Amino acid sequence: MKTSLFIIIVLISGAFAGLIHGTVNFAIVEPYLDQAIGIENQNLFASGEEEDTPEFWVEYEGYRAWQKGGQILAGVILGVSVGSLFGIVFALSRNSLPGNNDLKKSLVLAGIMWLTLYLIPFLKYPANPPTVGDGETVVLRAILYLSFIAISGFGAVGFYQLSKKLQNNKKILALFGYGIFITGVFFAMPENPDEITAPMTLVNEFRIMSVLGVTSFWVSIGVILGLFWNRFSTKKETTQYYS
C-alpha cells in the first residue's frame, strides 16, 4: 500500500471512529455529567463559594453549551490521534495477527489495544464524574493513570516480541507472562487517593456509560480501518492469506 493512501485511510478511519465516539458520549455520558455537575453546584451554594443567582446560571448554561458543542469535535480530534497510532501498529503487526482478512485482523488488534490500553488501566483507576476528585490531586491522578497505560502498553509489546521467538505451541506462555506481569503491576500501583463522596449509583452508572463510549471507539476503528484496508490493499496482500 502506498504511503499516501495509508495516511488517508488512517486519518479518515480515526476521524469517523472519533465522530462515533463523540456522538455516543454526547448521547449516553452527558446526562450523567449534568447530574454530577448539578450536585457539585449545590455543594458550592451550600458552602457559600457561589451564589444561586440568575447570573450564575446564565454563565453556567453558556459554559455547558460550549462544552457540549465541542464534545463531538473533541472526539474527532482524539480519534485522529489515537487512530493514527492504531494504524501504525496495525501496519507493523498485520502479518502476525490472527484472521484470514484485514477486517478480522483489525478487530483483533482493536480488542488487544482496548484491553491493554483502556480496560485494564480503567479497572485500576476507573473514570469518575466531576463531583469526585480533589483538585489538588489531579496531577497525581493523571500521572498514575498515564503511567499504568504506558506500563501495560509497553508490557504488551514486550511479551508480543517474546511470543515471536517462541514455537507455535509455546506462544501461549507469552500471554500468561503478560497476565502475571500486569497483575503484579495492578496490585503494586498506588490506589486512587480521592475518596468517593458522590452517590455510588451515579458513579457506577457513569463508569458503565464511559466504558460503552470508549468501547464504541475501538469497535469502530477496528471495523472502519479493516474495511478500508480490505478494500484498498493490493491483490498480493489479499491473496497471501489463502496461499
Protein backbone atom coordinates (compact mmCIF):
# COMPACT_ATOMS: atom_id res chain seq x y z
CA MET A 1 0.00 0.00 0.00
CA LYS A 2 1.30 3.44 -0.91
CA THR A 3 2.25 5.73 1.95
CA SER A 4 -0.16 8.46 0.85
CA LEU A 5 -3.07 6.01 0.69
CA PHE A 6 -2.10 4.60 4.08
CA ILE A 7 -2.14 8.07 5.65
CA ILE A 8 -5.52 8.91 4.12
CA ILE A 9 -7.07 5.63 5.27
CA VAL A 10 -5.71 6.01 8.81
CA LEU A 11 -6.84 9.63 9.18
CA ILE A 12 -10.32 9.01 7.77
CA SER A 13 -10.76 5.88 9.90
CA GLY A 14 -9.69 7.72 13.05
CA ALA A 15 -11.94 10.70 12.27
CA PHE A 16 -15.02 8.54 11.67
CA ALA A 17 -14.36 6.42 14.76
CA GLY A 18 -13.85 9.59 16.80
CA LEU A 19 -17.10 11.01 15.42
CA ILE A 20 -18.94 7.88 16.54
CA HIS A 21 -17.25 8.04 19.95
CA GLY A 22 -18.12 11.69 20.42
CA THR A 23 -21.72 11.12 19.38
CA VAL A 24 -22.12 8.13 21.70
CA ASN A 25 -20.61 10.09 24.59
CA PHE A 26 -22.95 13.00 23.91
CA ALA A 27 -25.92 10.67 23.99
CA ILE A 28 -25.14 8.42 26.97
CA VAL A 29 -22.44 10.12 29.11
CA GLU A 30 -23.52 13.77 29.07
CA PRO A 31 -26.73 13.17 31.09
CA TYR A 32 -24.61 11.79 33.95
CA LEU A 33 -22.24 14.72 33.68
CA ASP A 34 -25.22 17.04 34.06
CA GLN A 35 -26.31 15.19 37.19
CA ALA A 36 -22.81 15.22 38.66
CA ILE A 37 -22.23 18.90 37.94
CA GLY A 38 -25.66 19.66 39.40
CA ILE A 39 -24.56 18.05 42.69
CA GLU A 40 -21.30 19.99 42.54
CA ASN A 41 -23.20 23.26 42.05
CA GLN A 42 -25.42 22.55 45.06
CA ASN A 43 -22.31 21.90 47.15
CA LEU A 44 -20.88 25.24 46.01
CA PHE A 45 -24.08 27.01 47.01
CA ALA A 46 -24.13 25.26 50.39
CA SER A 47 -20.52 26.19 51.13
CA GLY A 48 -21.01 29.80 50.08
CA GLU A 49 -18.38 29.63 47.33
CA GLU A 50 -21.05 30.55 44.76
CA GLU A 51 -24.44 32.19 44.97
CA ASP A 52 -27.58 30.72 43.42
CA THR A 53 -28.32 33.71 41.19
CA PRO A 54 -29.64 34.15 37.63
CA GLU A 55 -26.20 35.45 36.64
CA PHE A 56 -24.58 32.21 37.83
CA TRP A 57 -26.96 30.07 35.80
CA VAL A 58 -26.55 32.19 32.67
CA GLU A 59 -22.79 31.76 32.88
CA TYR A 60 -23.13 28.08 33.73
CA GLU A 61 -25.51 27.30 30.85
CA GLY A 62 -23.23 29.13 28.42
CA TYR A 63 -20.22 27.16 29.60
CA ARG A 64 -22.03 23.82 29.42
CA ALA A 65 -23.37 24.64 25.95
CA TRP A 66 -19.79 25.33 24.85
CA GLN A 67 -18.62 22.06 26.42
CA LYS A 68 -21.37 20.01 24.80
CA GLY A 69 -20.86 21.70 21.45
CA GLY A 70 -17.20 20.71 21.49
CA GLN A 71 -17.88 17.12 22.56
CA ILE A 72 -18.09 15.69 19.05
CA LEU A 73 -15.24 17.82 17.69
CA ALA A 74 -13.05 16.68 20.58
CA GLY A 75 -13.99 13.09 19.74
CA VAL A 76 -12.89 13.55 16.13
CA ILE A 77 -9.56 15.09 17.17
CA LEU A 78 -8.91 12.33 19.70
CA GLY A 79 -9.98 9.74 17.13
CA VAL A 80 -7.47 11.01 14.57
CA SER A 81 -4.61 10.92 17.08
CA VAL A 82 -5.39 7.51 18.58
CA GLY A 83 -6.41 6.19 15.16
CA SER A 84 -3.00 7.17 13.80
CA LEU A 85 -1.32 5.09 16.50
CA PHE A 86 -3.69 2.22 15.74
CA GLY A 87 -2.93 2.41 12.02
CA ILE A 88 0.82 2.34 12.58
CA VAL A 89 0.59 -0.62 14.95
CA PHE A 90 -1.71 -2.44 12.51
CA ALA A 91 0.68 -1.90 9.62
CA LEU A 92 3.60 -3.24 11.66
CA SER A 93 1.80 -6.25 13.16
CA ARG A 94 -0.69 -7.09 10.40
CA ASN A 95 1.09 -10.18 9.08
CA SER A 96 1.29 -11.77 12.53
CA LEU A 97 -2.29 -11.05 13.63
CA PRO A 98 -4.78 -13.96 13.50
CA GLY A 99 -7.53 -13.84 10.91
CA ASN A 100 -7.92 -14.55 7.19
CA ASN A 101 -8.78 -10.99 6.18
CA ASP A 102 -7.91 -7.47 7.23
CA LEU A 103 -11.24 -6.82 8.94
CA LYS A 104 -10.75 -9.72 11.33
CA LYS A 105 -7.12 -8.77 11.91
CA SER A 106 -8.06 -5.17 12.59
CA LEU A 107 -10.76 -6.19 15.08
CA VAL A 108 -8.31 -8.48 16.88
CA LEU A 109 -5.81 -5.65 17.23
CA ALA A 110 -8.54 -3.25 18.35
CA GLY A 111 -9.55 -5.75 21.02
CA ILE A 112 -5.97 -6.13 22.22
CA MET A 113 -5.40 -2.36 22.40
CA TRP A 114 -8.80 -1.83 24.06
CA LEU A 115 -7.85 -4.38 26.72
CA THR A 116 -4.27 -3.28 27.38
CA LEU A 117 -4.56 0.49 26.92
CA TYR A 118 -8.05 1.06 28.27
CA LEU A 119 -9.85 -1.69 30.19
CA ILE A 120 -7.01 -2.85 32.44
CA PRO A 121 -5.98 0.73 33.42
CA PHE A 122 -9.68 1.56 33.84
CA LEU A 123 -10.17 -1.30 36.29
CA LYS A 124 -7.36 0.14 38.43
CA TYR A 125 -8.29 3.79 38.01
CA PRO A 126 -11.94 3.93 36.89
CA ALA A 127 -13.40 7.13 35.48
CA ASN A 128 -15.25 9.33 37.94
CA PRO A 129 -17.79 12.11 37.37
CA PRO A 130 -16.83 15.73 38.14
CA THR A 131 -18.09 15.56 41.74
CA VAL A 132 -15.39 13.02 42.60
CA GLY A 133 -11.79 14.12 42.99
CA ASP A 134 -9.80 16.74 44.85
CA GLY A 135 -8.38 19.44 42.61
CA GLU A 136 -5.08 19.22 44.49
CA THR A 137 -4.58 15.58 43.44
CA VAL A 138 -5.47 15.94 39.76
CA VAL A 139 -1.81 15.90 38.64
CA LEU A 140 -1.03 12.85 40.76
CA ARG A 141 -4.08 11.01 39.44
CA ALA A 142 -3.15 11.83 35.85
CA ILE A 143 0.41 10.60 36.39
CA LEU A 144 -0.78 7.33 37.94
CA TYR A 145 -3.29 6.68 35.16
CA LEU A 146 -0.93 7.51 32.29
CA SER A 147 1.86 5.51 33.94
CA PHE A 148 -0.38 2.46 34.13
CA ILE A 149 -1.32 2.85 30.46
CA ALA A 150 2.35 3.10 29.48
CA ILE A 151 3.37 0.09 31.59
CA SER A 152 0.51 -2.02 30.24
CA GLY A 153 1.13 -0.97 26.63
CA PHE A 154 4.89 -1.46 26.66
CA GLY A 155 4.45 -4.69 28.60
CA ALA A 156 2.12 -6.00 25.90
CA VAL A 157 4.64 -5.05 23.21
CA GLY A 158 7.46 -6.74 25.11
CA PHE A 159 5.59 -10.01 25.56
CA TYR A 160 4.43 -9.85 21.94
CA GLN A 161 8.07 -9.67 20.85
CA LEU A 162 8.80 -12.60 23.15
CA SER A 163 5.98 -14.63 21.58
CA LYS A 164 7.56 -14.20 18.13
CA LYS A 165 10.65 -16.03 19.38
CA LEU A 166 8.69 -18.96 20.78
CA GLN A 167 7.46 -22.01 18.90
CA ASN A 168 3.76 -22.23 17.98
CA ASN A 169 2.79 -24.41 20.92
CA LYS A 170 4.71 -22.20 23.37
CA LYS A 171 3.39 -18.80 22.30
CA ILE A 172 0.68 -19.08 24.94
CA LEU A 173 3.44 -18.70 27.54
CA ALA A 174 3.90 -15.08 26.49
CA LEU A 175 0.19 -14.45 27.12
CA PHE A 176 0.42 -15.99 30.58
CA GLY A 177 3.58 -13.98 31.18
CA TYR A 178 1.79 -10.73 30.39
CA GLY A 179 -1.10 -11.74 32.63
CA ILE A 180 1.23 -12.39 35.57
CA PHE A 181 3.19 -9.19 34.86
CA ILE A 182 0.17 -6.87 34.64
CA THR A 183 -1.45 -8.49 37.69
CA GLY A 184 1.67 -7.70 39.71
CA VAL A 185 1.68 -4.14 38.42
CA PHE A 186 -2.05 -3.79 39.17
CA PHE A 187 -1.57 -4.55 42.86
CA ALA A 188 1.74 -2.68 43.14
CA MET A 189 0.43 0.62 41.76
CA PRO A 190 -0.90 3.08 44.40
CA GLU A 191 -4.64 3.36 44.91
CA ASN A 192 -6.64 6.38 43.80
CA PRO A 193 -6.06 8.94 46.58
CA ASP A 194 -9.54 10.51 46.38
CA GLU A 195 -12.50 9.44 48.47
CA ILE A 196 -15.77 8.95 46.61
CA THR A 197 -18.37 11.28 48.09
CA ALA A 198 -20.91 11.24 45.25
CA PRO A 199 -23.81 8.75 45.23
CA MET A 200 -22.44 5.36 44.17
CA THR A 201 -25.39 4.78 41.85
CA LEU A 202 -24.39 7.84 39.85
CA VAL A 203 -20.71 6.92 39.92
CA ASN A 204 -21.27 3.32 38.79
CA GLU A 205 -23.69 4.28 36.02
CA PHE A 206 -21.28 6.96 34.82
CA ARG A 207 -18.48 4.40 34.70
CA ILE A 208 -20.59 1.92 32.73
CA MET A 209 -21.52 4.60 30.20
CA SER A 210 -17.86 5.64 29.95
CA VAL A 211 -16.85 2.06 29.15
CA LEU A 212 -19.53 1.82 26.47
CA GLY A 213 -18.43 5.14 24.97
CA VAL A 214 -14.76 4.19 24.72
CA THR A 215 -15.63 0.68 23.53
CA SER A 216 -17.63 2.22 20.70
CA PHE A 217 -14.45 3.91 19.52
CA TRP A 218 -12.33 0.75 19.50
CA VAL A 219 -15.00 -1.30 17.75
CA SER A 220 -15.46 1.49 15.19
CA ILE A 221 -11.76 1.95 14.45
CA GLY A 222 -11.35 -1.81 14.08
CA VAL A 223 -14.25 -2.13 11.66
CA ILE A 224 -13.60 1.02 9.63
CA LEU A 225 -9.85 0.59 9.21
CA GLY A 226 -10.29 -3.12 8.49
CA LEU A 227 -12.87 -2.46 5.78
CA PHE A 228 -10.79 0.29 4.20
CA TRP A 229 -7.65 -1.87 4.27
CA ASN A 230 -9.51 -4.82 2.81
CA ARG A 231 -10.87 -2.57 0.05
CA PHE A 232 -7.64 -0.82 -0.92
CA SER A 233 -4.96 -3.42 -0.21
CA THR A 234 -3.22 -4.85 -3.24
CA LYS A 235 -4.18 -8.21 -4.69
CA LYS A 236 -0.88 -9.68 -3.46
CA GLU A 237 -1.61 -8.54 0.09
CA THR A 238 -5.12 -10.03 -0.03
CA THR A 239 -4.31 -13.40 -1.54
CA GLN A 240 -1.39 -14.12 0.79
CA TYR A 241 -3.86 -15.20 3.49
CA TYR A 242 -5.12 -18.04 1.30
CA SER A 243 -1.84 -19.23 -0.19
